[in-house]
Protein backbone atom coordinates (compact mmCIF):
# COMPACT_ATOMS: atom_id res chain seq x y z
CA MET A 1 -23.44 33.50 -3.53
CA ALA A 2 -26.27 31.24 -4.68
CA LYS A 3 -28.75 30.14 -2.07
CA THR A 4 -28.76 26.40 -1.29
CA THR A 5 -32.12 24.67 -0.99
CA ILE A 6 -32.83 21.14 0.20
CA VAL A 7 -35.08 19.03 -2.02
CA PRO A 8 -36.18 15.89 -0.14
CA ILE A 9 -36.76 12.57 -1.91
CA GLY A 10 -38.34 10.12 0.53
CA PRO A 11 -38.41 8.47 2.90
CA TYR A 12 -41.71 7.63 1.19
CA HIS A 13 -41.93 8.63 -2.43
CA ALA A 14 -44.05 7.60 -5.41
CA LEU A 15 -40.99 6.54 -7.42
CA GLN A 16 -39.31 4.59 -4.61
CA GLU A 17 -40.32 1.02 -3.91
CA GLU A 18 -38.69 1.10 -0.46
CA PRO A 19 -38.26 3.77 2.22
CA GLU A 20 -35.02 5.72 2.03
CA PHE A 21 -34.28 9.42 2.39
CA PHE A 22 -32.16 11.45 -0.01
CA LYS A 23 -31.60 15.15 0.69
CA LEU A 24 -30.59 16.97 -2.47
CA HIS A 25 -28.76 20.23 -1.75
CA VAL A 26 -29.41 22.36 -4.82
CA GLU A 27 -28.49 25.76 -6.13
CA GLY A 28 -31.26 26.60 -8.56
CA GLU A 29 -31.66 23.35 -10.51
CA LYS A 30 -28.09 22.12 -9.92
CA VAL A 31 -27.33 19.46 -7.28
CA VAL A 32 -24.29 20.47 -5.21
CA HIS A 33 -24.45 17.91 -2.39
CA LEU A 34 -26.33 14.76 -1.40
CA ASP A 35 -27.13 13.38 2.05
CA ILE A 36 -28.22 9.74 2.23
CA GLU A 37 -30.22 8.56 5.23
CA LEU A 38 -31.05 4.86 5.50
CA GLY A 39 -32.11 2.64 8.37
CA TYR A 40 -35.86 2.35 7.82
CA ASN A 41 -35.91 -1.38 7.06
CA HIS A 42 -33.60 -2.94 9.64
CA ARG A 43 -34.94 -6.40 10.54
CA GLY A 44 -32.06 -8.01 12.43
CA ILE A 45 -31.54 -10.85 9.92
CA GLU A 46 -28.02 -11.63 11.09
CA LYS A 47 -29.06 -11.97 14.74
CA LEU A 48 -32.17 -13.98 13.85
CA SER A 49 -29.98 -16.40 11.92
CA GLU A 50 -28.19 -17.41 15.12
CA SER A 51 -31.47 -18.81 16.47
CA LYS A 52 -32.20 -20.85 13.31
CA THR A 53 -30.83 -24.18 12.15
CA PHE A 54 -28.67 -24.17 9.04
CA GLU A 55 -31.65 -25.42 7.04
CA GLU A 56 -33.92 -22.69 8.43
CA THR A 57 -31.31 -19.99 7.87
CA VAL A 58 -31.54 -20.50 4.10
CA PHE A 59 -35.28 -19.76 4.19
CA LEU A 60 -34.59 -16.69 6.35
CA VAL A 61 -32.01 -15.10 4.02
CA GLU A 62 -34.23 -15.92 1.05
CA ARG A 63 -36.57 -13.26 2.42
CA ILE A 64 -33.97 -10.52 2.72
CA CYS A 65 -35.04 -9.44 -0.77
CA GLY A 66 -37.72 -10.77 -3.10
CA ILE A 67 -35.74 -9.97 -6.25
CA CYS A 68 -32.53 -11.51 -4.84
CA SER A 69 -34.31 -14.51 -3.33
CA CYS A 70 -31.87 -16.84 -5.10
CA SER A 71 -28.69 -14.77 -4.66
CA HIS A 72 -28.68 -14.68 -0.85
CA PRO A 73 -29.46 -18.41 -0.47
CA ILE A 74 -26.67 -19.40 -2.91
CA ALA A 75 -24.13 -17.27 -1.03
CA CYS A 76 -25.42 -18.58 2.30
CA VAL A 77 -25.27 -22.28 1.42
CA GLN A 78 -21.82 -21.80 -0.10
CA ALA A 79 -20.65 -20.28 3.19
CA VAL A 80 -22.06 -23.27 5.10
CA GLU A 81 -20.44 -25.67 2.65
CA ASP A 82 -17.13 -23.85 2.97
CA ALA A 83 -17.29 -23.96 6.77
CA GLY A 84 -18.29 -27.62 6.92
CA ASP A 85 -16.21 -28.85 3.94
CA ILE A 86 -19.39 -30.15 2.27
CA GLU A 87 -19.38 -31.54 -1.27
CA VAL A 88 -22.03 -30.55 -3.83
CA PRO A 89 -23.07 -32.87 -6.71
CA GLU A 90 -22.30 -31.54 -10.21
CA ARG A 91 -25.93 -31.69 -11.31
CA ALA A 92 -26.90 -29.39 -8.41
CA LEU A 93 -24.33 -26.84 -9.62
CA TYR A 94 -26.01 -26.58 -13.03
CA ILE A 95 -29.40 -26.19 -11.37
CA ARG A 96 -28.08 -23.42 -9.12
CA SER A 97 -26.77 -21.45 -12.10
CA THR A 98 -29.98 -22.01 -14.05
CA ILE A 99 -32.12 -20.57 -11.26
CA GLY A 100 -29.63 -17.77 -10.62
CA GLU A 101 -29.57 -16.64 -14.26
CA LEU A 102 -33.35 -16.80 -14.60
CA GLU A 103 -33.47 -14.51 -11.58
CA ARG A 104 -30.89 -12.19 -13.18
CA ILE A 105 -33.06 -11.85 -16.30
CA HIS A 106 -36.20 -11.09 -14.31
CA SER A 107 -34.32 -8.59 -12.12
CA HIS A 108 -32.83 -6.75 -15.10
CA LEU A 109 -36.22 -6.64 -16.84
CA LEU A 110 -37.75 -5.26 -13.65
CA TRP A 111 -35.08 -2.54 -13.46
CA LEU A 112 -35.45 -1.72 -17.16
CA GLY A 113 -39.18 -1.24 -16.70
CA LEU A 114 -38.70 1.01 -13.69
CA ALA A 115 -36.04 3.03 -15.55
CA GLY A 116 -38.50 3.57 -18.41
CA HIS A 117 -41.13 4.65 -15.88
CA PHE A 118 -38.74 7.13 -14.24
CA LEU A 119 -37.98 8.62 -17.67
CA GLY A 120 -41.67 8.87 -18.59
CA PHE A 121 -41.26 6.11 -21.20
CA ASN A 122 -44.05 3.84 -19.99
CA THR A 123 -44.05 1.72 -23.13
CA VAL A 124 -40.66 0.31 -22.08
CA TRP A 125 -42.05 -0.26 -18.61
CA MET A 126 -45.11 -2.20 -19.75
CA TRP A 127 -43.33 -4.34 -22.36
CA SER A 128 -40.34 -5.27 -20.18
CA TRP A 129 -42.62 -6.29 -17.34
CA ARG A 130 -44.81 -8.24 -19.74
CA TYR A 131 -41.85 -10.44 -20.77
CA ARG A 132 -40.66 -10.66 -17.18
CA GLU A 133 -43.89 -12.54 -16.51
CA ASP A 134 -42.72 -15.33 -18.85
CA VAL A 135 -39.53 -15.72 -16.80
CA LEU A 136 -41.50 -15.83 -13.55
CA ASP A 137 -43.81 -18.47 -15.04
CA ILE A 138 -40.78 -20.68 -15.76
CA LEU A 139 -39.43 -20.16 -12.25
CA GLU A 140 -42.83 -21.21 -10.95
CA LEU A 141 -42.76 -24.28 -13.20
CA ILE A 142 -39.36 -25.30 -11.83
CA SER A 143 -39.73 -24.46 -8.16
CA GLY A 144 -43.44 -23.88 -7.52
CA ASN A 145 -42.84 -20.21 -6.69
CA ARG A 146 -42.54 -16.98 -8.67
CA ASN A 147 -40.23 -15.62 -5.96
CA HIS A 148 -38.60 -17.20 -2.92
CA TYR A 149 -37.90 -20.36 -4.86
CA ALA A 150 -36.81 -22.50 -1.89
CA MET A 151 -34.37 -24.39 -4.14
CA MET A 152 -31.06 -23.99 -2.29
CA LYS A 153 -29.82 -26.07 0.64
CA PRO A 154 -26.42 -26.95 2.09
CA GLY A 155 -25.10 -29.80 -0.02
CA GLY A 156 -27.09 -29.09 -3.18
CA VAL A 157 -30.64 -28.16 -4.17
CA ARG A 158 -34.03 -29.29 -2.87
CA ARG A 159 -35.57 -30.19 -6.23
CA ASP A 160 -34.35 -31.50 -9.55
CA ILE A 161 -35.36 -29.93 -12.85
CA LYS A 162 -37.49 -32.51 -14.60
CA ALA A 163 -36.55 -33.65 -18.09
CA GLU A 164 -40.10 -32.98 -19.30
CA ASP A 165 -39.76 -29.31 -18.22
CA LEU A 166 -36.63 -28.62 -20.30
CA PRO A 167 -38.52 -27.96 -23.59
CA ALA A 168 -40.74 -25.34 -21.91
CA ILE A 169 -37.68 -23.55 -20.52
CA ARG A 170 -35.98 -23.58 -23.94
CA LYS A 171 -39.14 -22.28 -25.60
CA MET A 172 -39.33 -19.38 -23.15
CA LEU A 173 -35.65 -18.50 -23.71
CA ASP A 174 -36.07 -18.60 -27.50
CA GLY A 175 -39.13 -16.38 -27.22
CA LEU A 176 -37.24 -13.90 -25.04
CA LYS A 177 -34.38 -13.20 -27.45
CA GLY A 178 -36.51 -11.09 -29.81
CA PRO A 179 -37.93 -8.81 -27.10
CA ILE A 180 -34.48 -8.29 -25.55
CA ASN A 181 -33.21 -7.30 -28.99
CA LEU A 182 -36.15 -4.91 -29.13
CA PHE A 183 -35.15 -3.36 -25.79
CA LYS A 184 -31.54 -3.16 -26.96
CA GLY A 185 -32.67 -1.27 -30.04
CA ALA A 186 -34.85 1.04 -27.95
CA VAL A 187 -31.95 1.98 -25.70
CA ILE A 188 -29.51 2.42 -28.58
CA ASP A 189 -31.78 4.24 -31.05
CA ASP A 190 -34.42 6.16 -29.12
CA PRO A 191 -33.56 9.89 -28.91
CA LEU A 192 -35.53 10.34 -25.67
CA ILE A 193 -33.51 7.70 -23.84
CA HIS A 194 -30.28 9.14 -25.26
CA ALA A 195 -31.18 12.66 -24.14
CA ARG A 196 -32.06 11.53 -20.61
CA THR A 197 -29.22 9.05 -20.01
CA GLU A 198 -26.08 9.81 -22.07
CA GLY A 199 -23.55 11.74 -20.02
CA VAL A 200 -25.95 11.78 -17.06
CA GLY A 201 -24.89 10.58 -13.62
CA VAL A 202 -21.35 9.72 -14.65
CA LEU A 203 -19.34 7.57 -12.23
CA THR A 204 -15.75 7.48 -13.50
CA LYS A 205 -13.60 4.37 -13.31
CA ALA A 206 -11.45 5.97 -10.60
CA GLN A 207 -14.54 6.88 -8.56
CA ALA A 208 -15.97 3.39 -9.02
CA ILE A 209 -12.77 1.92 -7.62
CA ASP A 210 -12.63 4.44 -4.77
CA TYR A 211 -16.20 3.64 -3.72
CA CYS A 212 -15.68 -0.13 -4.24
CA VAL A 213 -18.86 -0.43 -6.29
CA VAL A 214 -19.80 -3.83 -7.68
CA GLY A 215 -21.96 -5.45 -10.35
CA PRO A 216 -23.35 -3.53 -13.35
CA THR A 217 -22.55 -0.25 -11.57
CA ALA A 218 -18.84 -1.14 -11.67
CA ARG A 219 -18.85 -2.77 -15.11
CA ALA A 220 -20.57 0.28 -16.65
CA SER A 221 -17.59 2.34 -15.45
CA GLY A 222 -14.97 0.09 -17.04
CA VAL A 223 -14.21 -2.00 -13.94
CA ALA A 224 -14.17 -5.56 -15.28
CA ILE A 225 -15.17 -7.49 -12.15
CA ASP A 226 -17.63 -10.36 -11.91
CA VAL A 227 -17.61 -12.95 -9.13
CA ARG A 228 -18.90 -15.59 -11.53
CA ARG A 229 -15.64 -15.35 -13.49
CA ASP A 230 -13.18 -14.16 -10.85
CA HIS A 231 -14.17 -16.72 -8.21
CA PRO A 232 -16.05 -19.46 -10.10
CA HIS A 233 -18.89 -21.06 -8.18
CA ALA A 234 -22.02 -23.05 -9.03
CA ALA A 235 -21.57 -24.00 -12.72
CA TYR A 236 -20.01 -20.75 -13.94
CA GLY A 237 -16.59 -22.30 -14.36
CA LEU A 238 -18.10 -25.13 -16.42
CA VAL A 239 -19.80 -23.09 -19.18
CA ASP A 240 -18.75 -20.36 -21.65
CA TRP A 241 -19.90 -16.76 -21.31
CA ASP A 242 -18.51 -13.21 -21.35
CA VAL A 243 -18.38 -10.36 -18.85
CA VAL A 244 -20.12 -7.25 -20.25
CA VAL A 245 -18.12 -4.07 -19.66
CA MET A 246 -18.77 -0.48 -20.78
CA GLN A 247 -16.58 2.58 -20.24
CA HIS A 248 -18.49 5.83 -19.67
CA GLY A 249 -20.17 5.13 -16.32
CA ASP A 250 -23.33 7.08 -17.14
CA VAL A 251 -26.95 5.93 -16.86
CA TYR A 252 -26.89 4.94 -20.55
CA ASP A 253 -24.01 2.49 -20.05
CA LYS A 254 -25.63 1.05 -16.94
CA ALA A 255 -28.71 0.29 -19.03
CA ILE A 256 -26.66 -1.23 -21.86
CA VAL A 257 -24.75 -3.48 -19.44
CA ARG A 258 -27.97 -4.90 -18.03
CA VAL A 259 -29.56 -5.47 -21.44
CA LEU A 260 -26.47 -7.24 -22.80
CA GLU A 261 -26.12 -9.31 -19.62
CA MET A 262 -29.53 -10.82 -20.30
CA PHE A 263 -28.15 -12.32 -23.53
CA GLU A 264 -25.26 -13.82 -21.55
CA SER A 265 -27.71 -15.21 -19.00
CA ILE A 266 -29.66 -16.94 -21.75
CA ARG A 267 -26.38 -18.34 -23.08
CA ILE A 268 -25.47 -19.73 -19.65
CA ILE A 269 -28.90 -21.26 -19.08
CA GLU A 270 -28.91 -22.97 -22.47
CA GLN A 271 -25.58 -24.63 -21.72
CA CYS A 272 -26.76 -25.69 -18.25
CA LEU A 273 -29.89 -27.26 -19.75
CA GLU A 274 -27.77 -29.24 -22.20
CA LYS A 275 -25.59 -30.47 -19.34
CA LEU A 276 -28.66 -31.53 -17.36
CA LYS A 277 -29.48 -33.95 -20.20
CA THR A 278 -26.23 -35.87 -19.63
CA VAL A 279 -25.11 -35.22 -16.03
CA PRO A 280 -26.92 -37.67 -13.72
CA GLY A 281 -28.14 -37.13 -10.17
CA PRO A 282 -28.18 -36.90 -7.24
CA VAL A 283 -28.84 -33.20 -6.62
CA ASP A 284 -28.05 -33.26 -2.89
CA SER A 285 -25.14 -34.73 -0.91
CA ASN A 286 -27.46 -34.73 2.14
CA PRO A 287 -24.94 -33.61 4.80
CA LYS A 288 -25.76 -34.62 8.38
CA GLU A 289 -23.65 -32.04 10.22
CA VAL A 290 -21.60 -28.90 9.79
CA LYS A 291 -18.15 -29.21 11.31
CA PRO A 292 -16.72 -26.36 13.44
CA GLY A 293 -15.11 -23.73 11.23
CA GLU A 294 -15.53 -20.53 9.28
CA GLY A 295 -16.83 -20.19 5.74
CA ILE A 296 -17.50 -17.53 3.14
CA GLY A 297 -19.85 -17.63 0.20
CA HIS A 298 -20.22 -14.98 -2.45
CA TYR A 299 -22.38 -14.81 -5.53
CA GLU A 300 -22.78 -12.36 -8.40
CA ALA A 301 -26.31 -11.15 -7.69
CA PRO A 302 -28.07 -9.01 -10.35
CA ARG A 303 -26.80 -5.91 -8.53
CA GLY A 304 -23.29 -7.26 -7.84
CA GLU A 305 -21.43 -9.34 -5.30
CA VAL A 306 -23.42 -10.54 -2.30
CA PHE A 307 -21.25 -11.89 0.51
CA HIS A 308 -22.12 -14.19 3.41
CA TYR A 309 -19.84 -15.19 6.28
CA ILE A 310 -20.82 -18.02 8.62
CA ARG A 311 -19.03 -19.42 11.64
CA SER A 312 -19.98 -22.87 12.91
CA ASP A 313 -19.28 -24.14 16.42
CA GLY A 314 -20.29 -27.68 15.56
CA SER A 315 -23.93 -27.25 16.57
CA ASN A 316 -26.87 -27.24 14.14
CA ARG A 317 -27.03 -23.44 13.82
CA PRO A 318 -24.68 -20.56 12.95
CA ALA A 319 -22.62 -19.10 15.79
CA ARG A 320 -22.18 -15.94 13.68
CA HIS A 321 -23.68 -14.86 10.39
CA LYS A 322 -22.63 -11.74 8.47
CA VAL A 323 -24.26 -10.47 5.27
CA ARG A 324 -23.05 -7.79 2.90
CA ALA A 325 -25.26 -7.00 -0.07
CA PRO A 326 -24.16 -5.10 -3.20
CA SER A 327 -26.32 -2.05 -2.52
CA PHE A 328 -24.27 -1.47 0.65
CA MET A 329 -21.41 -0.51 -1.68
CA ASN A 330 -23.30 0.96 -4.63
CA VAL A 331 -25.75 3.39 -3.02
CA VAL A 332 -23.07 5.63 -1.54
CA SER A 333 -21.55 6.25 -5.00
CA ASN A 334 -24.58 8.45 -5.73
CA ARG A 335 -22.91 11.14 -3.65
CA VAL A 336 -20.52 11.79 -6.55
CA ALA A 337 -22.63 10.58 -9.50
CA VAL A 338 -25.42 13.08 -8.83
CA LEU A 339 -23.20 16.15 -8.29
CA GLY A 340 -23.59 18.84 -10.92
CA GLU A 341 -26.72 17.24 -12.35
CA THR A 342 -30.20 18.73 -12.41
CA VAL A 343 -32.99 17.87 -10.01
CA ALA A 344 -34.96 16.43 -12.94
CA ASP A 345 -32.23 13.85 -13.58
CA ALA A 346 -31.59 13.01 -9.92
CA THR A 347 -34.27 10.31 -9.70
CA ILE A 348 -32.97 8.22 -12.61
CA ILE A 349 -29.38 8.65 -11.36
CA LEU A 350 -30.32 7.38 -7.90
CA ALA A 351 -32.17 4.48 -9.51
CA ALA A 352 -29.36 3.63 -11.94
CA VAL A 353 -27.50 1.52 -9.35
CA ASP A 354 -30.66 -0.60 -9.00
CA PRO A 355 -30.71 -0.06 -5.23
CA CYS A 356 -32.14 -2.58 -2.79
CA TYR A 357 -32.38 -1.05 0.66
CA CYS A 358 -33.94 -4.02 2.44
CA CYS A 359 -30.86 -6.02 1.36
CA THR A 360 -28.41 -3.74 3.08
CA GLU A 361 -30.12 -2.23 6.12
CA ARG A 362 -28.28 -2.38 9.41
CA MET A 363 -28.20 -0.14 12.43
CA ALA A 364 -26.00 0.45 15.47
CA VAL A 365 -25.72 3.45 17.77
CA VAL A 366 -22.07 4.04 18.69
CA ASP A 367 -19.90 6.76 20.13
CA ALA A 368 -18.12 8.30 17.14
CA GLY A 369 -15.07 9.08 19.27
CA THR A 370 -14.50 5.75 21.00
CA GLY A 371 -16.40 3.37 18.73
CA ARG A 372 -18.18 1.87 21.74
CA LYS A 373 -21.85 0.89 21.53
CA VAL A 374 -24.08 3.47 23.18
CA LEU A 375 -27.55 1.94 23.03
CA SER A 376 -28.63 -1.68 23.24
CA SER A 377 -31.44 -3.13 21.12
CA GLN A 378 -33.79 -3.04 24.12
CA GLU A 379 -33.04 0.65 24.67
CA LEU A 380 -33.69 1.40 20.99
CA ILE A 381 -37.08 -0.34 21.23
CA ARG A 382 -37.94 1.60 24.39
CA LEU A 383 -36.99 4.95 22.82
CA SER A 384 -39.03 4.12 19.71
CA GLN A 385 -42.11 3.27 21.75
CA GLU A 386 -41.76 6.40 23.90
CA LYS A 387 -41.49 8.54 20.76
CA THR A 388 -44.64 6.93 19.36
CA GLU A 389 -46.55 7.80 22.54
CA ARG A 390 -45.25 11.37 22.45
CA LEU A 391 -46.27 11.85 18.81
CA LYS A 392 -49.73 10.44 19.51
CA LYS A 393 -50.23 13.03 22.23
CA GLU A 394 -48.95 15.87 20.06
CA LEU A 395 -51.27 14.84 17.24
CA GLY A 396 -54.21 14.42 19.59
CA HIS A 397 -54.55 10.67 19.05
CA GLU A 398 -55.02 9.20 22.49
CA GLY A 399 -55.21 5.44 22.23
CA PRO A 400 -54.33 2.51 24.45
CA LYS A 401 -50.95 2.85 26.08
CA LEU A 402 -48.14 0.86 24.51
CA LYS A 403 -46.44 -1.61 26.80
CA LEU A 404 -42.84 -0.44 27.14
CA GLU A 405 -41.48 -3.57 28.79
CA ARG A 406 -40.48 -6.68 26.87
């Protein structure tokens, strides 16, 4: 019987932009099991939201993730609008989709660059990130920020897109089509990328459905789901575009889906810009209150469906706020996608779902038998501080005592 060895990846690793811990159980070079340990980034966003006004909550969720700093706000404001039965002007819908698709392009270019880096193909990394800068420049032109655009609000958007800025946006989009074609050709034709991605990390259609994966991870496995089409929101029901679906579920198809989706994003943005020439303002219905009720908002983020639930009690802040990000569904699918693969391919397989751990972190200590909560937040803080003191003593670092009371 072959001896099983554990190969740790994380929680801090040169190829991981966030802390997470994967334990690869291997026999020789073959991965036979995967343990996933998360919980390093829990920030209590949902609880913090209950102490913020509805306006402030949008800024809070915008900081769940820098790359999804449009996706969470769109889902959040749609949940508020659903709960309070708030109307949104048509012009604001086109602006929401424009910002959202610009973010999708920059997110996919970021992932493509990281994928090239993981494969040792740093030319792809440098060129994709170079053209991502052009997208971020346009986002800065529109909103004033390269990330955290502060554009979304209940009832519409905070800023209009100026008519004099439309030519610059169109010029950037036209200049981006050639490089994306270049990346498409690199993925399709380069033998190195083929060797490292085709047939690697396969997630079958049945497995994708069983694990309820979303976004490009699902569409690469032949699951034709997309919230923009299935539950139209923003301006997605007002423009023409296609859902990109592949069939093999390997790393190669996940890359192809993202590259082709960038063309669809450009197509959507171009139509939205044309509509902005003819659809007049305002861009905000300026609601004064949120009626008591429950609302849901979901948006097709670059990684898949992001879902927000908000309950209003008639006050100026959420009574309950629940967030579910796409990585919450996608990361766990690695437990089957990585099985039977080599250690050398494990990193790109784990990265192929484009994971965002700060989007999905949550923590609770419960009794597995009864489901009852075992430790309160105050007890968790106390245990953490006590452990810090104990480790300092063991390591010989005697410093000022931490205050254990709050």
